[in-house]
C-alpha atoms as a PDB file:
ATOM      1  CA  MET A   1      61.783 -33.479 -26.498  1.00  0.00           C
ATOM      2  CA  SER A   2      60.425 -37.096 -26.992  1.00  0.00           C
ATOM      3  CA  GLY A   3      61.153 -38.755 -30.513  1.00  0.00           C
ATOM      4  CA  PHE A   4      58.415 -40.332 -32.724  1.00  0.00           C
ATOM      5  CA  VAL A   5      56.941 -43.529 -31.719  1.00  0.00           C
ATOM      6  CA  GLU A   6      55.971 -46.223 -34.237  1.00  0.00           C
ATOM      7  CA  GLY A   7      52.601 -45.612 -35.657  1.00  0.00           C
ATOM      8  CA  GLU A   8      52.513 -41.896 -34.873  1.00  0.00           C
ATOM      9  CA  ARG A   9      51.528 -39.639 -37.458  1.00  0.00           C
ATOM     10  CA  VAL A  10      54.298 -37.229 -38.666  1.00  0.00           C
ATOM     11  CA  LEU A  11      54.548 -34.495 -41.268  1.00  0.00           C
ATOM     12  CA  LEU A  12      57.272 -34.496 -43.915  1.00  0.00           C
ATOM     13  CA  ILE A  13      58.272 -31.376 -45.819  1.00  0.00           C
ATOM     14  CA  ASP A  14      59.937 -31.681 -48.839  1.00  0.00           C
ATOM     15  CA  GLU A  15      62.670 -29.277 -50.196  1.00  0.00           C
ATOM     16  CA  GLN A  16      59.936 -27.279 -52.244  1.00  0.00           C
ATOM     17  CA  GLY A  17      57.591 -27.151 -49.308  1.00  0.00           C
ATOM     18  CA  GLY A  18      55.395 -30.189 -50.325  1.00  0.00           C
ATOM     19  CA  LYS A  19      53.600 -31.557 -47.266  1.00  0.00           C
ATOM     20  CA  TYR A  20      52.768 -35.184 -46.464  1.00  0.00           C
ATOM     21  CA  LEU A  21      50.943 -36.481 -43.288  1.00  0.00           C
ATOM     22  CA  VAL A  22      51.787 -40.084 -42.731  1.00  0.00           C
ATOM     23  CA  ARG A  23      52.585 -42.384 -39.966  1.00  0.00           C
ATOM     24  CA  ALA A  24      56.236 -43.427 -38.662  1.00  0.00           C
ATOM     25  CA  GLU A  25      55.982 -47.023 -39.578  1.00  0.00           C
ATOM     26  CA  PRO A  26      58.103 -49.580 -41.483  1.00  0.00           C
ATOM     27  CA  ARG A  27      56.602 -49.165 -45.138  1.00  0.00           C
ATOM     28  CA  LYS A  28      57.590 -47.231 -48.180  1.00  0.00           C
ATOM     29  CA  PHE A  29      55.983 -44.052 -49.115  1.00  0.00           C
ATOM     30  CA  ASN A  30      56.118 -42.625 -52.789  1.00  0.00           C
ATOM     31  CA  THR A  31      56.521 -39.121 -53.302  1.00  0.00           C
ATOM     32  CA  ARG A  32      57.476 -36.953 -56.443  1.00  0.00           C
ATOM     33  CA  PHE A  33      61.168 -37.043 -54.992  1.00  0.00           C
ATOM     34  CA  GLY A  34      61.224 -40.511 -54.703  1.00  0.00           C
ATOM     35  CA  VAL A  35      60.528 -43.333 -52.245  1.00  0.00           C
ATOM     36  CA  VAL A  36      60.699 -42.699 -48.480  1.00  0.00           C
ATOM     37  CA  ASP A  37      61.326 -45.375 -45.959  1.00  0.00           C
ATOM     38  CA  LEU A  38      59.169 -44.386 -43.066  1.00  0.00           C
ATOM     39  CA  SER A  39      60.906 -46.367 -40.519  1.00  0.00           C
ATOM     40  CA  GLN A  40      63.684 -43.413 -40.581  1.00  0.00           C
ATOM     41  CA  ALA A  41      60.980 -41.381 -38.694  1.00  0.00           C
ATOM     42  CA  ILE A  42      60.639 -43.764 -35.831  1.00  0.00           C
ATOM     43  CA  GLY A  43      62.634 -42.575 -32.733  1.00  0.00           C
ATOM     44  CA  ALA A  44      63.514 -39.570 -34.730  1.00  0.00           C
ATOM     45  CA  GLN A  45      63.427 -36.128 -33.200  1.00  0.00           C
ATOM     46  CA  PRO A  46      61.087 -33.294 -34.629  1.00  0.00           C
ATOM     47  CA  GLY A  47      63.290 -31.383 -37.026  1.00  0.00           C
ATOM     48  CA  THR A  48      65.370 -34.047 -38.289  1.00  0.00           C
ATOM     49  CA  VAL A  49      65.997 -34.715 -42.099  1.00  0.00           C
ATOM     50  CA  ILE A  50      65.472 -38.330 -43.819  1.00  0.00           C
ATOM     51  CA  HIS A  51      66.016 -38.928 -47.305  1.00  0.00           C
ATOM     52  CA  SER A  52      64.255 -40.658 -50.100  1.00  0.00           C
ATOM     53  CA  HIS A  53      65.936 -43.413 -52.181  1.00  0.00           C
ATOM     54  CA  LEU A  54      66.939 -40.601 -54.521  1.00  0.00           C
ATOM     55  CA  GLY A  55      68.695 -38.476 -51.745  1.00  0.00           C
ATOM     56  CA  LYS A  56      66.199 -35.853 -51.618  1.00  0.00           C
ATOM     57  CA  PRO A  57      65.945 -34.390 -48.000  1.00  0.00           C
ATOM     58  CA  PHE A  58      62.671 -34.373 -45.969  1.00  0.00           C
ATOM     59  CA  VAL A  59      62.042 -32.307 -42.656  1.00  0.00           C
ATOM     60  CA  VAL A  60      60.098 -34.502 -40.152  1.00  0.00           C
ATOM     61  CA  LEU A  61      57.906 -32.608 -37.891  1.00  0.00           C
ATOM     62  CA  ARG A  62      55.069 -33.123 -35.286  1.00  0.00           C
ATOM     63  CA  PRO A  63      51.912 -32.117 -37.258  1.00  0.00           C
ATOM     64  CA  SER A  64      49.906 -29.120 -35.935  1.00  0.00           C
ATOM     65  CA  VAL A  65      45.952 -28.812 -36.021  1.00  0.00           C
ATOM     66  CA  VAL A  66      46.331 -26.620 -38.947  1.00  0.00           C
ATOM     67  CA  ASP A  67      48.235 -29.366 -40.858  1.00  0.00           C
ATOM     68  CA  TYR A  68      45.517 -31.918 -40.184  1.00  0.00           C
ATOM     69  CA  ILE A  69      42.793 -29.424 -41.216  1.00  0.00           C
ATOM     70  CA  GLN A  70      44.630 -29.033 -44.647  1.00  0.00           C
ATOM     71  CA  LYS A  71      45.058 -32.710 -45.102  1.00  0.00           C
ATOM     72  CA  ILE A  72      41.581 -34.008 -44.112  1.00  0.00           C
ATOM     73  CA  ARG A  73      38.621 -34.752 -46.978  1.00  0.00           C
ATOM     74  CA  ARG A  74      36.238 -31.653 -47.062  1.00  0.00           C
ATOM     75  CA  VAL A  75      33.266 -31.788 -48.907  1.00  0.00           C
ATOM     76  CA  PRO A  76      30.997 -28.578 -47.811  1.00  0.00           C
ATOM     77  CA  GLN A  77      32.908 -25.301 -47.749  1.00  0.00           C
ATOM     78  CA  VAL A  78      34.900 -24.911 -44.465  1.00  0.00           C
ATOM     79  CA  LEU A  79      35.460 -21.984 -42.334  1.00  0.00           C
ATOM     80  CA  LEU A  80      39.041 -20.892 -42.907  1.00  0.00           C
ATOM     81  CA  PRO A  81      41.749 -20.669 -40.306  1.00  0.00           C
ATOM     82  CA  LYS A  82      41.599 -16.891 -40.715  1.00  0.00           C
ATOM     83  CA  ASP A  83      38.043 -16.755 -39.629  1.00  0.00           C
ATOM     84  CA  ALA A  84      38.176 -19.567 -37.104  1.00  0.00           C
ATOM     85  CA  ALA A  85      41.089 -17.514 -35.289  1.00  0.00           C
ATOM     86  CA  GLN A  86      38.252 -14.475 -34.557  1.00  0.00           C
ATOM     87  CA  ILE A  87      36.523 -17.165 -32.536  1.00  0.00           C
ATOM     88  CA  LEU A  88      39.676 -17.405 -30.018  1.00  0.00           C
ATOM     89  CA  ALA A  89      40.348 -13.847 -30.127  1.00  0.00           C
ATOM     90  CA  ASN A  90      36.794 -12.558 -29.271  1.00  0.00           C
ATOM     91  CA  THR A  91      35.494 -15.527 -26.936  1.00  0.00           C
ATOM     92  CA  GLY A  92      38.630 -16.773 -25.135  1.00  0.00           C
ATOM     93  CA  VAL A  93      37.661 -20.071 -25.739  1.00  0.00           C
ATOM     94  CA  GLY A  94      40.344 -22.499 -24.285  1.00  0.00           C
ATOM     95  CA  PRO A  95      41.253 -25.941 -22.383  1.00  0.00           C
ATOM     96  CA  GLY A  96      38.506 -26.819 -20.448  1.00  0.00           C
ATOM     97  CA  SER A  97      35.971 -25.097 -22.145  1.00  0.00           C
ATOM     98  CA  VAL A  98      32.786 -26.811 -23.280  1.00  0.00           C
ATOM     99  CA  VAL A  99      31.309 -25.636 -26.815  1.00  0.00           C
ATOM    100  CA  VAL A 100      28.492 -26.519 -28.831  1.00  0.00           C
ATOM    101  CA  ASP A 101      28.987 -26.448 -32.805  1.00  0.00           C
ATOM    102  CA  GLY A 102      25.998 -25.915 -34.870  1.00  0.00           C
ATOM    103  CA  GLY A 103      26.566 -27.356 -38.546  1.00  0.00           C
ATOM    104  CA  THR A 104      29.579 -29.856 -38.579  1.00  0.00           C
ATOM    105  CA  GLY A 105      29.987 -30.182 -42.147  1.00  0.00           C
ATOM    106  CA  SER A 106      33.558 -31.686 -42.628  1.00  0.00           C
ATOM    107  CA  GLY A 107      34.229 -31.087 -39.128  1.00  0.00           C
ATOM    108  CA  CYS A 108      36.815 -28.721 -39.717  1.00  0.00           C
ATOM    109  CA  LEU A 109      35.466 -26.260 -37.206  1.00  0.00           C
ATOM    110  CA  ALA A 110      34.968 -28.866 -34.617  1.00  0.00           C
ATOM    111  CA  ILE A 111      38.532 -30.127 -35.209  1.00  0.00           C
ATOM    112  CA  PHE A 112      40.022 -26.741 -34.534  1.00  0.00           C
ATOM    113  CA  LEU A 113      37.997 -25.977 -31.175  1.00  0.00           C
ATOM    114  CA  GLY A 114      38.681 -29.496 -30.090  1.00  0.00           C
ATOM    115  CA  HIS A 115      42.391 -28.708 -30.138  1.00  0.00           C
ATOM    116  CA  LEU A 116      41.675 -25.645 -28.114  1.00  0.00           C
ATOM    117  CA  VAL A 117      39.615 -26.919 -25.678  1.00  0.00           C
ATOM    118  CA  ARG A 118      41.616 -30.127 -24.943  1.00  0.00           C
ATOM    119  CA  PRO A 119      42.557 -32.170 -22.621  1.00  0.00           C
ATOM    120  CA  THR A 120      39.499 -31.390 -20.012  1.00  0.00           C
ATOM    121  CA  GLY A 121      36.986 -29.654 -22.483  1.00  0.00           C
ATOM    122  CA  HIS A 122      34.504 -31.208 -25.190  1.00  0.00           C
ATOM    123  CA  VAL A 123      32.971 -29.947 -28.345  1.00  0.00           C
ATOM    124  CA  TYR A 124      29.626 -31.426 -29.196  1.00  0.00           C
ATOM    125  CA  SER A 125      28.831 -30.944 -32.818  1.00  0.00           C
ATOM    126  CA  TYR A 126      25.377 -30.867 -34.280  1.00  0.00           C
ATOM    127  CA  GLU A 127      24.699 -31.962 -37.978  1.00  0.00           C
ATOM    128  CA  ILE A 128      21.705 -33.163 -39.443  1.00  0.00           C
ATOM    129  CA  ARG A 129      23.201 -34.783 -42.731  1.00  0.00           C
ATOM    130  CA  GLU A 130      23.865 -38.521 -42.266  1.00  0.00           C
ATOM    131  CA  ASP A 131      26.604 -38.493 -44.883  1.00  0.00           C
ATOM    132  CA  PHE A 132      28.371 -35.377 -43.318  1.00  0.00           C
ATOM    133  CA  VAL A 133      28.000 -37.045 -39.815  1.00  0.00           C
ATOM    134  CA  GLU A 134      30.045 -40.076 -40.923  1.00  0.00           C
ATOM    135  CA  LEU A 135      32.566 -38.073 -42.878  1.00  0.00           C
ATOM    136  CA  ALA A 136      33.253 -35.557 -39.829  1.00  0.00           C
ATOM    137  CA  ARG A 137      33.626 -38.546 -37.595  1.00  0.00           C
ATOM    138  CA  ARG A 138      36.035 -40.138 -39.863  1.00  0.00           C
ATOM    139  CA  ASN A 139      38.062 -36.940 -40.026  1.00  0.00           C
ATOM    140  CA  ILE A 140      37.975 -36.487 -36.074  1.00  0.00           C
ATOM    141  CA  ARG A 141      39.255 -39.872 -35.669  1.00  0.00           C
ATOM    142  CA  PHE A 142      42.297 -39.023 -38.317  1.00  0.00           C
ATOM    143  CA  THR A 143      42.866 -36.148 -35.900  1.00  0.00           C
ATOM    144  CA  GLY A 144      42.955 -38.270 -32.775  1.00  0.00           C
ATOM    145  CA  LEU A 145      40.388 -35.934 -31.265  1.00  0.00           C
ATOM    146  CA  GLU A 146      37.593 -38.527 -30.917  1.00  0.00           C
ATOM    147  CA  ASP A 147      37.696 -38.394 -27.177  1.00  0.00           C
ATOM    148  CA  VAL A 148      37.132 -34.607 -27.322  1.00  0.00           C
ATOM    149  CA  VAL A 149      34.587 -34.059 -30.058  1.00  0.00           C
ATOM    150  CA  THR A 150      31.570 -35.742 -30.277  1.00  0.00           C
ATOM    151  CA  VAL A 151      29.280 -35.642 -33.372  1.00  0.00           C
ATOM    152  CA  LYS A 152      25.652 -35.715 -32.983  1.00  0.00           C
ATOM    153  CA  GLN A 153      23.118 -36.330 -35.949  1.00  0.00           C
ATOM    154  CA  GLN A 154      20.729 -33.762 -34.564  1.00  0.00           C
ATOM    155  CA  ASP A 155      19.059 -30.662 -35.821  1.00  0.00           C
ATOM    156  CA  ILE A 156      20.438 -27.762 -33.479  1.00  0.00           C
ATOM    157  CA  CYS A 157      17.356 -25.728 -34.372  1.00  0.00           C
ATOM    158  CA  GLN A 158      15.218 -28.324 -32.544  1.00  0.00           C
ATOM    159  CA  GLY A 159      17.116 -28.109 -29.541  1.00  0.00           C
ATOM    160  CA  ILE A 160      20.468 -28.297 -27.577  1.00  0.00           C
ATOM    161  CA  ASP A 161      21.104 -31.157 -25.008  1.00  0.00           C
ATOM    162  CA  GLU A 162      24.130 -29.493 -23.403  1.00  0.00           C
ATOM    163  CA  ARG A 163      24.014 -26.747 -20.350  1.00  0.00           C
ATOM    164  CA  ASP A 164      26.277 -24.366 -18.799  1.00  0.00           C
ATOM    165  CA  VAL A 165      27.966 -24.119 -22.137  1.00  0.00           C
ATOM    166  CA  ASP A 166      31.061 -21.732 -22.679  1.00  0.00           C
ATOM    167  CA  LEU A 167      30.377 -21.071 -26.533  1.00  0.00           C
ATOM    168  CA  VAL A 168      27.904 -22.012 -29.273  1.00  0.00           C
ATOM    169  CA  THR A 169      28.923 -21.493 -32.812  1.00  0.00           C
ATOM    170  CA  LEU A 170      26.317 -21.616 -35.933  1.00  0.00           C
ATOM    171  CA  ASP A 171      27.333 -22.258 -39.330  1.00  0.00           C
ATOM    172  CA  ILE A 172      23.624 -23.167 -40.718  1.00  0.00           C
ATOM    173  CA  PRO A 173      21.207 -21.696 -43.100  1.00  0.00           C
ATOM    174  CA  LYS A 174      18.854 -20.443 -40.820  1.00  0.00           C
ATOM    175  CA  PRO A 175      20.683 -19.488 -37.528  1.00  0.00           C
ATOM    176  CA  GLU A 176      18.067 -17.444 -36.108  1.00  0.00           C
ATOM    177  CA  ASP A 177      15.871 -20.780 -35.316  1.00  0.00           C
ATOM    178  CA  ALA A 178      18.846 -22.006 -32.827  1.00  0.00           C
ATOM    179  CA  ILE A 179      19.091 -18.812 -31.179  1.00  0.00           C
ATOM    180  CA  PRO A 180      16.588 -19.490 -28.219  1.00  0.00           C
ATOM    181  CA  HIS A 181      18.264 -22.744 -28.034  1.00  0.00           C
ATOM    182  CA  ALA A 182      21.766 -21.275 -27.692  1.00  0.00           C
ATOM    183  CA  GLU A 183      20.198 -18.848 -25.170  1.00  0.00           C
ATOM    184  CA  ASN A 184      19.024 -21.704 -22.795  1.00  0.00           C
ATOM    185  CA  ALA A 185      22.400 -23.497 -23.467  1.00  0.00           C
ATOM    186  CA  LEU A 186      24.884 -20.827 -22.529  1.00  0.00           C
ATOM    187  CA  LYS A 187      25.921 -20.118 -19.101  1.00  0.00           C
ATOM    188  CA  PRO A 188      25.909 -16.418 -18.248  1.00  0.00           C
ATOM    189  CA  GLY A 189      28.841 -14.780 -19.853  1.00  0.00           C
ATOM    190  CA  GLY A 190      28.915 -17.302 -22.470  1.00  0.00           C
ATOM    191  CA  HIS A 191      29.322 -16.597 -26.404  1.00  0.00           C
ATOM    192  CA  LEU A 192      27.289 -16.906 -29.316  1.00  0.00           C
ATOM    193  CA  PHE A 193      29.363 -17.130 -32.719  1.00  0.00           C
ATOM    194  CA  VAL A 194      27.376 -16.906 -36.031  1.00  0.00           C
ATOM    195  CA  PHE A 195      28.941 -17.277 -39.753  1.00  0.00           C
ATOM    196  CA  SER A 196      26.810 -15.870 -42.471  1.00  0.00           C
ATOM    197  CA  PRO A 197      28.099 -15.978 -46.088  1.00  0.00           C
ATOM    198  CA  CYS A 198      25.742 -13.074 -47.028  1.00  0.00           C
ATOM    199  CA  ILE A 199      24.150 -10.084 -45.205  1.00  0.00           C
ATOM    200  CA  GLU A 200      20.507 -11.221 -45.216  1.00  0.00           C
ATOM    201  CA  PRO A 201      21.162 -14.038 -42.234  1.00  0.00           C
ATOM    202  CA  VAL A 202      23.141 -11.309 -40.279  1.00  0.00           C
ATOM    203  CA  LYS A 203      19.899  -9.092 -40.401  1.00  0.00           C
ATOM    204  CA  ARG A 204      17.800 -12.144 -39.139  1.00  0.00           C
ATOM    205  CA  VAL A 205      20.229 -12.946 -36.487  1.00  0.00           C
ATOM    206  CA  TYR A 206      20.240  -9.499 -35.225  1.00  0.00           C
ATOM    207  CA  GLU A 207      16.481  -9.300 -35.054  1.00  0.00           C
ATOM    208  CA  ALA A 208      16.461 -12.534 -33.012  1.00  0.00           C
ATOM    209  CA  LEU A 209      18.876 -11.231 -30.650  1.00  0.00           C
ATOM    210  CA  SER A 210      17.005  -8.372 -29.871  1.00  0.00           C
ATOM    211  CA  SER A 211      14.362 -10.639 -28.130  1.00  0.00           C
ATOM    212  CA  HIS A 212      16.776 -12.711 -26.039  1.00  0.00           C
ATOM    213  CA  ARG A 213      19.497 -12.458 -23.397  1.00  0.00           C
ATOM    214  CA  PHE A 214      22.315 -11.195 -25.529  1.00  0.00           C
ATOM    215  CA  LYS A 215      24.588  -8.416 -25.270  1.00  0.00           C
ATOM    216  CA  GLU A 216      27.798  -6.914 -26.858  1.00  0.00           C
ATOM    217  CA  ILE A 217      26.421  -7.808 -30.281  1.00  0.00           C
ATOM    218  CA  PHE A 218      28.772  -7.001 -33.197  1.00  0.00           C
ATOM    219  CA  THR A 219      29.673  -8.250 -36.476  1.00  0.00           C
ATOM    220  CA  ILE A 220      33.055  -8.345 -38.641  1.00  0.00           C
ATOM    221  CA  GLU A 221      34.710  -9.752 -41.488  1.00  0.00           C
ATOM    222  CA  CYS A 222      38.429 -10.861 -41.722  1.00  0.00           C
ATOM    223  CA  LEU A 223      40.640  -9.928 -44.716  1.00  0.00           C
ATOM    224  CA  VAL A 224      44.034 -11.235 -45.265  1.00  0.00           C
ATOM    225  CA  ARG A 225      46.663  -9.889 -47.655  1.00  0.00           C
ATOM    226  CA  GLU A 226      49.735 -11.571 -47.485  1.00  0.00           C
ATOM    227  CA  ILE A 227      53.217  -9.652 -48.355  1.00  0.00           C
ATOM    228  CA  GLU A 228      55.667 -10.603 -51.092  1.00  0.00           C
ATOM    229  CA  VAL A 229      59.086  -9.984 -49.915  1.00  0.00           C
ATOM    230  CA  LYS A 230      61.729  -9.811 -52.871  1.00  0.00           C
ATOM    231  CA  PRO A 231      65.141  -7.879 -52.772  1.00  0.00           C
ATOM    232  CA  ASN A 232      64.110  -4.147 -53.745  1.00  0.00           C
ATOM    233  CA  ALA A 233      60.888  -5.398 -54.339  1.00  0.00           C
ATOM    234  CA  THR A 234      58.502  -5.930 -51.302  1.00  0.00           C
ATOM    235  CA  ARG A 235      55.187  -5.279 -51.752  1.00  0.00           C
ATOM    236  CA  PRO A 236      51.381  -6.448 -50.871  1.00  0.00           C
ATOM    237  CA  LYS A 237      50.503  -9.380 -53.179  1.00  0.00           C
ATOM    238  CA  THR A 238      48.143  -8.437 -56.021  1.00  0.00           C
ATOM    239  CA  ARG A 239      45.734 -11.570 -55.013  1.00  0.00           C
ATOM    240  CA  MET A 240      44.212 -11.847 -51.280  1.00  0.00           C
ATOM    241  CA  ILE A 241      41.909 -13.994 -49.330  1.00  0.00           C
ATOM    242  CA  ALA A 242      39.306 -11.189 -49.190  1.00  0.00           C
ATOM    243  CA  HIS A 243      35.662 -11.393 -48.174  1.00  0.00           C
ATOM    244  CA  THR A 244      34.499 -15.130 -46.956  1.00  0.00           C
ATOM    245  CA  GLY A 245      31.827 -14.241 -44.633  1.00  0.00           C
ATOM    246  CA  TYR A 246      30.196 -12.178 -41.932  1.00  0.00           C
ATOM    247  CA  MET A 247      31.016 -13.221 -38.223  1.00  0.00           C
ATOM    248  CA  THR A 248      28.573 -11.983 -35.741  1.00  0.00           C
ATOM    249  CA  PHE A 249      29.506 -12.393 -32.058  1.00  0.00           C
ATOM    250  CA  ALA A 250      27.236 -11.970 -28.838  1.00  0.00           C
ATOM    251  CA  ARG A 251      27.321 -12.647 -25.131  1.00  0.00           C
ATOM    252  CA  ARG A 252      24.828 -14.288 -23.224  1.00  0.00           C
ATOM    253  CA  ILE A 253      23.736 -12.040 -19.993  1.00  0.00           C
END
């Protein structure tokens, strides 16, 4: 495994689990556990422990896509990892896939999908708000996926430029208006994913799908409950990440 090169982004984890996404470079970085000389990370292997001027330990790791998503700037509500993971589980999108993402927002889903389809696939993300487009582009550059993810300031409800697409995702107020364009963009066997915070858009999506070439239509929600593990007191946590939205899947025939 290669060591970190100067300028590469690294993840520091302190003794209490705090995370810092920084670059391996000759500069000082202030933390609650003292000042860290980031030049210590240059040439280090993932898993190396470096120390602040107070002698506090920091583990140096190569950041994952989840680490990036946790650290980027987010203005609109984002799709949580528990929901985004359902896309992979139910569509099989992966390296080489071509994806159209409707409703970029902060770019979190586009980044997640870009990580899945690289190095030979591509994500084309549509967003109508200029401020969100600029934010998403900054976030995508931050994650190093600018060659894999393209953000377009276009209304996906007015049309999709791409053809023979493997997956179209829609996280927009009126997804039913984009379904005819998704049908034209998807290749036979391609997948549609629609995220809806409330049930009313789900009903409208089903009505729209009934008049287009889609089968294998189903809707799910994903509930995640962490287990609290303690000596002689292991039990589900009192609080959990419950309903965040409805996820509708369909396959173009």
